[in-house]
Amino acid sequence: MVRLRLTLKAPARMATPFAGFDNVFQTRLQEADAFYDEITPALIKATDPDRANLMRQALAGMLWSKQYFYYDVDKWLEEHNVTPWSGAEERHRIRNGEWLPCLLR
């Protein structure tokens, strides 16, 4: 097992950087078990533990990869000094510049 700890202190200044690690890790495992137990349908848990585990893995993957992506098109266009009304030459000097006419239709 690899143990990591994020801290602002230098490792040399910490007498026991992983004190209590096992307890915290066990607590987080119990919290995760309780969470997935609550959202997994009882029928699946009772009839097919493998399906329940598969469901947990799929949900965990979706939660892990959930990201917020904010793309401010107006700001990007302003930073690149391009507008939807710019000429073809100006639009084609930027990546995906050919998209602008399609967006205006």
Protein backbone atom coordinates (compact mmCIF):
# COMPACT_ATOMS: atom_id res chain seq x y z
CA MET A 1 0.00 0.00 0.00
CA VAL A 2 1.20 3.47 -0.85
CA ARG A 3 0.53 6.10 1.77
CA LEU A 4 0.49 9.76 0.87
CA ARG A 5 -0.22 12.84 2.90
CA LEU A 6 -0.70 16.36 1.64
CA THR A 7 0.73 18.93 4.00
CA LEU A 8 2.53 22.25 4.01
CA LYS A 9 5.08 21.00 6.56
CA ALA A 10 8.39 19.50 5.52
CA PRO A 11 8.63 15.73 6.22
CA ALA A 12 11.60 16.28 8.53
CA ARG A 13 9.48 18.52 10.79
CA MET A 14 6.82 15.86 11.27
CA ALA A 15 7.61 13.27 13.93
CA THR A 16 4.96 10.79 12.81
CA PRO A 17 3.40 11.92 9.52
CA PHE A 18 1.16 8.85 9.26
CA ALA A 19 -0.08 8.62 12.81
CA GLY A 20 -3.72 7.60 12.71
CA PHE A 21 -3.60 6.83 8.99
CA ASP A 22 -5.09 3.36 9.35
CA ASN A 23 -7.98 4.65 11.46
CA VAL A 24 -8.80 7.45 9.02
CA PHE A 25 -8.56 5.07 6.06
CA GLN A 26 -10.86 2.54 7.75
CA THR A 27 -13.37 5.28 8.57
CA ARG A 28 -13.44 6.44 4.94
CA LEU A 29 -13.97 2.85 3.77
CA GLN A 30 -16.92 2.49 6.13
CA GLU A 31 -18.39 5.78 4.90
CA ALA A 32 -18.07 4.65 1.27
CA ASP A 33 -19.65 1.27 2.09
CA ALA A 34 -22.58 3.00 3.81
CA PHE A 35 -23.05 5.41 0.90
CA TYR A 36 -23.12 2.71 -1.78
CA ASP A 37 -25.24 0.43 0.40
CA GLU A 38 -27.85 3.16 0.65
CA ILE A 39 -28.10 3.86 -3.08
CA THR A 40 -27.92 0.27 -4.31
CA PRO A 41 -31.41 -1.23 -4.77
CA ALA A 42 -32.23 -3.91 -2.18
CA LEU A 43 -33.23 -6.41 -4.88
CA ILE A 44 -29.79 -6.24 -6.47
CA LYS A 45 -28.00 -6.54 -3.11
CA ALA A 46 -30.13 -9.51 -2.10
CA THR A 47 -30.04 -11.47 -5.36
CA ASP A 48 -26.70 -10.76 -6.96
CA PRO A 49 -23.75 -9.39 -4.96
CA ASP A 50 -21.63 -9.30 -8.13
CA ARG A 51 -24.12 -6.97 -9.81
CA ALA A 52 -24.17 -4.80 -6.69
CA ASN A 53 -20.36 -4.59 -6.80
CA LEU A 54 -20.45 -3.81 -10.52
CA MET A 55 -22.96 -1.05 -9.87
CA ARG A 56 -20.73 0.38 -7.14
CA GLN A 57 -17.72 0.39 -9.45
CA ALA A 58 -19.68 2.06 -12.25
CA LEU A 59 -21.05 4.75 -9.93
CA ALA A 60 -17.63 5.32 -8.41
CA GLY A 61 -16.17 5.77 -11.88
CA MET A 62 -18.83 8.31 -12.78
CA LEU A 63 -18.28 10.24 -9.55
CA TRP A 64 -14.50 10.14 -9.94
CA SER A 65 -14.57 11.47 -13.48
CA LYS A 66 -17.24 14.12 -12.92
CA GLN A 67 -15.76 17.43 -13.89
CA TYR A 68 -16.97 20.95 -14.37
CA PHE A 69 -15.85 22.48 -17.64
CA TYR A 70 -16.60 26.14 -18.18
CA TYR A 71 -15.82 27.42 -21.64
CA ASP A 72 -16.39 31.13 -22.05
CA VAL A 73 -16.62 31.47 -25.83
CA ASP A 74 -16.91 35.26 -25.78
CA LYS A 75 -13.78 35.60 -23.67
CA TRP A 76 -11.87 33.17 -25.90
CA LEU A 77 -12.88 35.06 -29.04
CA GLU A 78 -11.90 38.36 -27.45
CA GLU A 79 -8.50 37.01 -26.36
CA HIS A 80 -7.85 35.75 -29.89
CA ASN A 81 -9.12 38.98 -31.44
CA VAL A 82 -11.69 37.13 -33.55
CA THR A 83 -15.40 37.75 -33.95
CA PRO A 84 -18.09 35.82 -35.81
CA TRP A 85 -17.95 38.65 -38.36
CA SER A 86 -14.20 38.36 -38.95
CA GLY A 87 -13.11 37.52 -42.45
CA ALA A 88 -12.18 33.98 -43.50
CA GLU A 89 -8.47 34.79 -43.40
CA GLU A 90 -8.65 35.91 -39.77
CA ARG A 91 -10.79 32.93 -38.75
CA HIS A 92 -8.54 30.34 -40.40
CA ARG A 93 -5.44 31.54 -38.57
CA ILE A 94 -6.89 30.13 -35.35
CA ARG A 95 -7.55 26.50 -34.51
CA ASN A 96 -11.12 25.42 -35.42
CA GLY A 97 -11.77 28.79 -37.01
CA GLU A 98 -14.03 27.14 -39.55
CA TRP A 99 -16.53 26.43 -36.78
CA LEU A 100 -17.70 30.04 -36.48
CA PRO A 101 -19.85 30.11 -39.66
CA CYS A 102 -21.49 26.84 -38.60
CA LEU A 103 -22.39 28.30 -35.21
CA LEU A 104 -24.07 31.33 -36.76
CA ARG A 105 -26.53 29.32 -38.87
